[in-house]
Amino acid sequence: MAIDALERFGIREEQKFPFLGKDRRDAKRRLPGDAGYDPRTLYLPPHFLNKLTGGQRQWWEFKSKHMDKVLFFKMGKFYEIFEMDAHIGVKELDLQYMKGYEICV
């Protein structure tokens, strides 16, 4: 079952976050292959940031500076992992997606 969820996650990610795919740039807007490209950072388009809630924006802004790390984000008393980090948690740590949470395509 995890494989199906992981495949759906990949499709969802490509559709929802095109800036993570072929259009990916680092924080200084350099493309992979450009001199000085830093894969640990990510450029977030302003139109994407403007659609986010406060908590989502905080997570994405921090994540964009730490793309090489899995972030555990404190939400109240709990720590949660989101988006590509949740995918890594499922794949590498054998975690499960939240019950009732669907990865929509």
Protein backbone atom coordinates (compact mmCIF):
# COMPACT_ATOMS: atom_id res chain seq x y z
CA MET A 1 0.00 0.00 0.00
CA ALA A 2 2.86 2.39 0.76
CA ILE A 3 4.13 2.06 -2.81
CA ASP A 4 0.79 3.25 -4.22
CA ALA A 5 0.82 6.22 -1.85
CA LEU A 6 4.42 7.03 -2.77
CA GLU A 7 3.61 6.94 -6.47
CA ARG A 8 0.59 9.18 -5.94
CA PHE A 9 2.77 11.54 -3.90
CA GLY A 10 5.23 11.85 -6.79
CA ILE A 11 2.46 12.67 -9.27
CA ARG A 12 0.89 15.16 -6.86
CA GLU A 13 4.25 16.82 -6.24
CA GLU A 14 4.89 17.29 -9.97
CA GLN A 15 1.47 18.86 -10.46
CA LYS A 16 1.27 20.98 -7.32
CA PHE A 17 4.91 22.11 -7.10
CA PRO A 18 6.34 22.53 -10.61
CA PHE A 19 9.19 24.59 -9.13
CA LEU A 20 10.54 21.34 -7.65
CA GLY A 21 10.85 19.67 -11.04
CA LYS A 22 12.33 20.80 -14.33
CA ASP A 23 11.83 24.46 -13.36
CA ARG A 24 13.81 24.05 -10.14
CA ARG A 25 16.17 26.86 -9.16
CA ASP A 26 18.22 27.48 -6.05
CA ALA A 27 17.55 30.39 -3.69
CA LYS A 28 19.59 32.71 -5.95
CA ARG A 29 17.57 31.55 -9.00
CA ARG A 30 20.44 29.56 -10.50
CA LEU A 31 19.57 26.48 -12.54
CA PRO A 32 21.14 23.06 -11.99
CA GLY A 33 24.26 23.11 -14.11
CA ASP A 34 24.90 26.82 -13.52
CA ALA A 35 28.12 27.72 -11.74
CA GLY A 36 27.50 27.99 -8.00
CA TYR A 37 24.13 26.18 -8.08
CA ASP A 38 23.23 25.18 -4.50
CA PRO A 39 20.92 22.13 -4.36
CA ARG A 40 20.47 22.66 -0.61
CA THR A 41 18.31 25.71 -1.31
CA LEU A 42 15.18 26.34 -3.36
CA TYR A 43 13.68 29.40 -5.02
CA LEU A 44 10.01 29.80 -4.09
CA PRO A 45 7.96 31.75 -6.63
CA PRO A 46 6.10 34.70 -5.05
CA HIS A 47 2.77 33.58 -6.55
CA PHE A 48 3.18 30.28 -4.65
CA LEU A 49 4.08 31.95 -1.34
CA ASN A 50 1.14 34.35 -1.58
CA LYS A 51 -1.35 31.44 -1.60
CA LEU A 52 -0.06 29.89 1.63
CA THR A 53 -1.36 30.15 5.17
CA GLY A 54 0.99 31.54 7.82
CA GLY A 55 2.10 28.11 9.03
CA GLN A 56 2.56 26.75 5.52
CA ARG A 57 4.57 29.79 4.52
CA GLN A 58 6.79 29.46 7.58
CA TRP A 59 7.45 25.80 6.77
CA TRP A 60 8.20 26.42 3.07
CA GLU A 61 10.47 29.39 3.78
CA PHE A 62 12.49 27.36 6.29
CA LYS A 63 12.48 24.25 4.09
CA SER A 64 13.68 26.26 1.07
CA LYS A 65 16.89 27.00 3.00
CA HIS A 66 17.31 23.37 4.10
CA MET A 67 16.28 21.15 1.19
CA ASP A 68 18.91 18.59 2.17
CA LYS A 69 17.27 17.95 5.55
CA VAL A 70 14.05 16.39 6.80
CA LEU A 71 12.18 18.91 8.94
CA PHE A 72 10.04 18.00 11.91
CA PHE A 73 7.73 20.97 12.36
CA LYS A 74 6.20 21.55 15.79
CA MET A 75 2.43 21.97 15.67
CA GLY A 76 1.10 22.41 19.19
CA LYS A 77 2.35 19.49 21.27
CA PHE A 78 3.32 17.37 18.28
CA TYR A 79 5.93 17.34 15.56
CA GLU A 80 4.77 16.76 12.01
CA ILE A 81 6.50 16.23 8.71
CA PHE A 82 5.10 17.62 5.48
CA GLU A 83 5.27 17.22 1.71
CA MET A 84 8.54 15.68 0.48
CA ASP A 85 9.69 15.08 4.06
CA ALA A 86 6.57 12.97 4.73
CA HIS A 87 7.43 10.97 1.63
CA ILE A 88 10.92 10.31 3.02
CA GLY A 89 9.45 9.35 6.40
CA VAL A 90 7.19 6.77 4.77
CA LYS A 91 9.91 5.37 2.54
CA GLU A 92 12.93 5.39 4.86
CA LEU A 93 11.47 5.23 8.37
CA ASP A 94 8.44 3.06 7.64
CA LEU A 95 6.12 5.78 8.96
CA GLN A 96 2.56 5.89 7.73
CA TYR A 97 0.59 8.77 6.32
CA MET A 98 -2.02 10.17 8.69
CA LYS A 99 -5.23 8.22 8.73
CA GLY A 100 -7.84 10.02 6.67
CA TYR A 101 -5.15 11.94 4.79
CA GLU A 102 -5.32 11.33 1.10
CA ILE A 103 -2.66 12.19 -1.37
CA CYS A 104 -4.87 13.62 -4.06
CA VAL A 105 -3.99 13.75 -7.69
